């Protein structure tokens, strides 16, 4: 499951801190720009700073094939904050990745040239395989260590990744092996732009589920002969599943500590999806776990989730508020053997 890491940040040039080495991971997706800064510990890493902003870089991309000037401006503003945080913290090494929006856009490479010229940040566009494997590296440890197999899914803004993971008997307890993966070129932004996300009727929701189901078919066929034991479960990482968990818990505002690692039953997911589908746009926007920035996207995410659940029925789903960035950090530190003997 290892992927070659690429250091896209020259710590010496930016004045890396003379103390414990700090690492950073930046994930620029179709909808969000996210940054984590962490220091190695004996058993992994500890986050010392974080940043997340909805930028909707891929807004309108499915219709025009290009990143819009407004989306680029929003994203440059967010990336400037990330650069300043890395400078302020004295980051030693980082990997800065861009995913589906920049992969798909005709002007994706041109946009990254702008980022370099204006901000001095060198982002790399990763392929779909890398994105899927980084998601597995970032949250695979949350899989039930006694489960023979688990399906991990990451519902993004412009793409959604699925990974069939099996227990690796020859490695440490709970270690996972990637047996198969798929990246569907659809996510909450592209699906909502195609079908509508503000007023979602039962008919529109059913059409979205059917659309996703067709995209799922190749992966379903590829893993049809894989064994599903009685502890088989789903492992979800995305704003969709963390939002559903927050709705289930009736949180007044999102709280990662209550969400990451939470187990939900199939019935609890059914109830949370039903609650979301019963809300109108204004009610979704007013919900502390959704907000106005996600109110037109969350039902598209639910449609993707429902298609996945129909194809991979499971009594349990585990929620992960972690993913690509954590996978990047783990790989960077492992490459440096940074966690050995860390304070």
Foldseek 3Di string as FASTA:
>chain_A
DDDDFDWQDALVVLQADPPAAKEKEWEAEQFKTKMWIWGFALVATDTDDIDMDTLNQCACCVPPLAGDPSSLVSVLVRVLVVLVVCSVNSHRTYAHEYEDSLVRHPCSVVSQVVCCVPPVTRYYYDYPVLQQVLQCLKPQLLADLPWQWEWEWEAGAQKIKIWIWGRDVVDDGSDIDTDDMDIQRHHLNRLCVVQNQQQQDPVSLVVLLVVLLVSCVVVLVVCVPPDGDQSYEYEYEYLLQQLLVCQLVVPQARDQVSAASDKDFPVSSVVSLVVLNPDHLVVQQNRRSAHNSRSRRNSSNVSNVVSVCVSPPDGMYTYHHIGNGSSSSRSVCVVVVRNNPRD
